[in-house]
Protein backbone atom coordinates (compact mmCIF):
# COMPACT_ATOMS: atom_id res chain seq x y z
CA UNK A 1 -41.92 37.30 1.98
CA UNK A 2 -38.42 36.18 0.44
CA UNK A 3 -35.62 37.80 2.90
CA UNK A 4 -32.01 37.78 3.17
CA UNK A 5 -30.80 34.53 5.33
CA UNK A 6 -29.94 35.70 8.91
CA UNK A 7 -26.63 37.26 9.32
CA UNK A 8 -26.14 38.48 5.67
CA UNK A 9 -26.65 42.30 6.63
CA UNK A 10 -24.91 44.89 4.51
CA UNK A 11 -22.21 45.47 7.60
CA UNK A 12 -21.07 41.81 7.13
CA UNK A 13 -20.68 41.46 3.53
CA UNK A 14 -17.58 42.97 3.35
CA UNK A 15 -16.14 40.71 6.18
CA UNK A 16 -17.25 37.91 4.23
CA UNK A 17 -15.62 39.44 0.97
CA UNK A 18 -12.22 40.03 2.52
CA UNK A 19 -12.39 36.13 4.43
CA UNK A 20 -13.15 34.38 0.58
CA UNK A 21 -10.67 36.90 -1.06
CA UNK A 22 -7.83 35.39 2.10
CA UNK A 23 -9.01 31.23 1.15
CA UNK A 24 -8.41 32.07 -2.31
CA UNK A 25 -4.57 33.62 -2.07
CA UNK A 26 -4.22 30.53 0.60
CA UNK A 27 -5.07 28.48 -1.96
CA UNK A 28 -2.49 29.86 -4.72
CA UNK A 29 0.08 30.18 -2.29
CA UNK A 30 0.03 26.10 -1.21
CA UNK A 31 -0.26 25.25 -5.30
CA UNK A 32 2.66 27.76 -5.48
CA UNK A 33 4.75 25.72 -3.08
CA UNK A 34 4.62 22.90 -5.40
CA UNK A 35 3.19 19.95 -2.27
CA UNK A 36 0.90 17.48 -3.12
CA UNK A 37 -1.34 15.91 -0.07
CA UNK A 38 -0.95 12.43 -0.12
CA UNK A 39 -1.62 9.35 1.53
CA UNK A 40 -2.68 10.29 5.34
CA UNK A 41 -1.18 14.06 4.63
CA UNK A 42 2.59 13.40 3.88
CA UNK A 43 4.29 15.52 0.78
CA UNK A 44 6.37 14.70 -1.57
CA UNK A 45 10.37 15.39 -0.67
CA UNK A 46 11.51 18.77 -2.09
CA UNK A 47 14.21 16.76 -4.61
CA UNK A 48 12.28 13.51 -5.17
CA UNK A 49 10.54 13.52 -8.88
CA UNK A 50 11.24 10.32 -9.91
CA UNK A 51 12.58 7.04 -8.66
CA UNK A 52 13.69 3.31 -9.94
CA UNK A 53 12.82 0.44 -7.61
CA UNK A 54 15.61 -2.10 -7.37
CA UNK A 55 16.72 -5.13 -5.26
CA UNK A 56 15.14 -6.56 -2.18
CA UNK A 57 17.31 -9.48 -1.41
CA UNK A 58 15.10 -12.61 -0.30
CA UNK A 59 16.22 -13.76 3.16
CA UNK A 60 13.85 -16.54 3.07
CA UNK A 61 12.58 -19.59 1.37
CA UNK A 62 9.93 -18.31 0.03
CA UNK A 63 10.64 -18.30 -4.02
CA UNK A 64 9.61 -15.91 -5.91
CA UNK A 65 8.49 -13.50 -2.85
CA UNK A 66 11.08 -10.28 -3.77
CA UNK A 67 9.46 -10.35 -7.52
CA UNK A 68 6.34 -10.08 -5.69
CA UNK A 69 7.06 -7.50 -3.77
CA UNK A 70 9.02 -5.36 -6.26
CA UNK A 71 5.69 -5.84 -9.05
CA UNK A 72 3.64 -4.83 -6.08
CA UNK A 73 5.36 -1.90 -5.23
CA UNK A 74 5.25 -0.66 -9.09
CA UNK A 75 2.01 -1.28 -8.95
CA UNK A 76 1.22 0.86 -6.02
CA UNK A 77 3.83 4.14 -7.11
CA UNK A 78 1.79 3.38 -10.86
CA UNK A 79 -1.80 3.56 -8.88
CA UNK A 80 -0.65 6.70 -6.54
CA UNK A 81 0.35 8.82 -9.88
CA UNK A 82 2.20 11.35 -7.44
CA UNK A 83 5.82 10.03 -8.01
CA UNK A 84 6.87 9.05 -11.70
CA UNK A 85 8.47 5.65 -11.15
CA UNK A 86 11.80 5.20 -13.38
CA UNK A 87 12.44 1.56 -15.42
CA UNK A 88 16.23 2.06 -15.50
CA UNK A 89 18.55 2.04 -13.16
CA UNK A 90 19.97 5.42 -12.19
CA UNK A 91 17.33 7.29 -14.08
CA UNK A 92 15.07 8.23 -10.69
CA UNK A 93 16.41 11.00 -8.31
CA UNK A 94 16.41 8.19 -5.52
CA UNK A 95 16.27 4.32 -5.69
CA UNK A 96 13.81 2.45 -3.25
CA UNK A 97 15.93 -0.61 -2.15
CA UNK A 98 15.84 -3.54 0.72
CA UNK A 99 15.00 -6.76 2.24
CA UNK A 100 12.28 -9.51 3.17
CA UNK A 101 13.66 -10.13 6.32
CA UNK A 102 10.94 -12.95 7.46
CA UNK A 103 7.96 -14.95 6.32
CA UNK A 104 6.37 -17.24 8.39
CA UNK A 105 3.02 -19.66 6.74
CA UNK A 106 1.36 -21.94 10.23
CA UNK A 107 -1.80 -23.01 10.83
CA UNK A 108 -3.55 -21.21 13.52
CA UNK A 109 -7.17 -23.30 13.59
CA UNK A 110 -7.74 -26.80 13.54
CA UNK A 111 -11.00 -29.21 13.61
CA UNK A 112 -11.97 -31.74 16.27
CA UNK A 113 -9.31 -34.16 14.69
CA UNK A 114 -6.52 -31.90 14.79
CA UNK A 115 -6.53 -31.20 11.03
CA UNK A 116 -5.67 -27.71 9.88
CA UNK A 117 -8.25 -25.59 8.56
CA UNK A 118 -6.74 -22.00 8.27
CA UNK A 119 -3.33 -21.08 8.03
CA UNK A 120 -1.67 -17.21 9.27
CA UNK A 121 1.41 -15.79 7.16
CA UNK A 122 3.57 -13.39 7.79
CA UNK A 123 5.82 -10.88 6.65
CA UNK A 124 8.52 -8.59 7.72
CA UNK A 125 10.36 -6.04 5.36
CA UNK A 126 13.05 -3.83 5.44
CA UNK A 127 12.95 -1.02 2.98
CA UNK A 128 14.99 2.62 2.25
CA UNK A 129 15.10 5.50 -0.02
CA UNK A 130 18.56 6.51 -1.69
CA UNK A 131 19.44 9.48 -3.79
CA UNK A 132 20.75 8.40 -6.89
CA UNK A 133 23.70 11.14 -7.11
CA UNK A 134 25.02 10.91 -3.78
CA UNK A 135 24.20 7.73 -2.31
CA UNK A 136 22.12 9.91 0.51
CA UNK A 137 19.55 7.66 2.83
CA UNK A 138 16.72 9.99 2.28
CA UNK A 139 14.27 7.37 4.42
CA UNK A 140 14.66 4.09 5.92
CA UNK A 141 11.89 1.50 7.41
CA UNK A 142 12.87 -1.01 9.32
CA UNK A 143 10.47 -4.31 10.20
CA UNK A 144 7.34 -3.46 8.41
CA UNK A 145 5.10 -6.12 9.25
CA UNK A 146 1.92 -7.52 7.29
CA UNK A 147 0.07 -10.34 7.88
CA UNK A 148 -2.86 -12.58 6.40
CA UNK A 149 -4.83 -15.93 6.73
CA UNK A 150 -6.61 -18.55 4.56
CA UNK A 151 -8.41 -21.59 4.76
CA UNK A 152 -7.52 -24.73 3.56
CA UNK A 153 -10.86 -26.60 3.15
CA UNK A 154 -14.04 -25.65 0.98
CA UNK A 155 -16.54 -26.01 4.36
CA UNK A 156 -14.47 -23.22 5.66
CA UNK A 157 -14.19 -21.06 2.38
CA UNK A 158 -16.93 -18.56 2.69
CA UNK A 159 -17.37 -17.49 -0.85
CA UNK A 160 -19.75 -14.22 0.09
CA UNK A 161 -16.52 -12.91 1.66
CA UNK A 162 -14.93 -9.62 -0.27
CA UNK A 163 -11.68 -11.74 0.02
CA UNK A 164 -12.74 -14.76 -1.58
CA UNK A 165 -14.62 -12.10 -4.46
CA UNK A 166 -11.88 -10.40 -5.11
CA UNK A 167 -9.70 -14.04 -5.38
CA UNK A 168 -11.34 -14.11 -8.64
CA UNK A 169 -12.42 -18.00 -7.71
CA UNK A 170 -15.85 -19.14 -9.08
CA UNK A 171 -17.94 -20.56 -6.11
CA UNK A 172 -19.21 -23.64 -8.19
CA UNK A 173 -15.22 -24.08 -9.05
CA UNK A 174 -14.63 -24.94 -5.65
CA UNK A 175 -15.94 -28.29 -5.63
CA UNK A 176 -13.70 -29.19 -8.69
CA UNK A 177 -10.56 -28.28 -6.79
CA UNK A 178 -8.70 -31.30 -4.46
CA UNK A 179 -7.39 -30.31 -1.25
CA UNK A 180 -4.40 -29.10 -2.17
CA UNK A 181 -4.92 -26.91 -5.03
CA UNK A 182 -7.36 -25.22 -2.80
CA UNK A 183 -4.75 -25.07 -0.27
CA UNK A 184 -2.36 -23.48 -2.79
CA UNK A 185 -5.02 -21.36 -4.22
CA UNK A 186 -6.00 -19.75 -0.98
CA UNK A 187 -2.09 -19.27 -0.16
CA UNK A 188 -0.95 -18.01 -3.17
CA UNK A 189 -4.10 -15.45 -2.50
CA UNK A 190 -3.13 -14.67 1.28
CA UNK A 191 0.22 -13.78 -0.32
CA UNK A 192 -0.85 -11.44 -2.51
CA UNK A 193 -3.11 -9.52 -0.06
CA UNK A 194 -0.12 -9.37 2.38
CA UNK A 195 2.32 -7.91 -0.06
CA UNK A 196 0.36 -5.47 -0.74
CA UNK A 197 -0.71 -4.43 2.27
CA UNK A 198 3.28 -3.99 2.95
CA UNK A 199 3.70 -2.10 -0.27
CA UNK A 200 1.03 0.61 1.09
CA UNK A 201 2.82 0.84 4.47
CA UNK A 202 5.97 1.24 2.86
CA UNK A 203 4.46 3.96 0.14
CA UNK A 204 2.45 5.77 3.22
CA UNK A 205 5.68 5.41 5.92
CA UNK A 206 8.05 7.02 3.34
CA UNK A 207 5.86 10.19 2.58
CA UNK A 208 4.73 10.88 5.84
CA UNK A 209 7.90 10.85 7.75
CA UNK A 210 9.29 13.91 5.06
């Protein structure tokens, strides 16, 4: 014979109904406040619903690093879809801008002949969010740091790794690349990954600090 699940008696049902109504009321209340959970739990600033991405001063010798960062930041905002991205300066509620303070590339692994096998790239960025109408700085992030590594020889590249597969380099094509071509390809991909990591950090810090 089928019976009621333990604890669901006629006496407890009114309390369950009250609890369900209370949860529903809380959900409606939170939704009506206009807050959106993003990142690791931050909320969209009350008066900032759209942003324009301004200039990032490239203080390094790495050419086009600022353009790579700005494009990655634009992709991040489009992907998140929480704050509207404006393409014309002054149209957004606020503007994001900053500076690329440091870029470094150095060998970190060597073979028996002291030839470099692996390099490490580092990036340090400062960023701020400034209100468009009065210039007030709403958020500032200093020393945002990102790092990545890359190999420069085919015998040290791991084709099965997720990083290699995301790089869209066919395994068979490795043998066709000269050492210089391989090193440049791996370096470019490492910089892209590093910039994307820095951009995610900028976005999440900015919203979590509100």
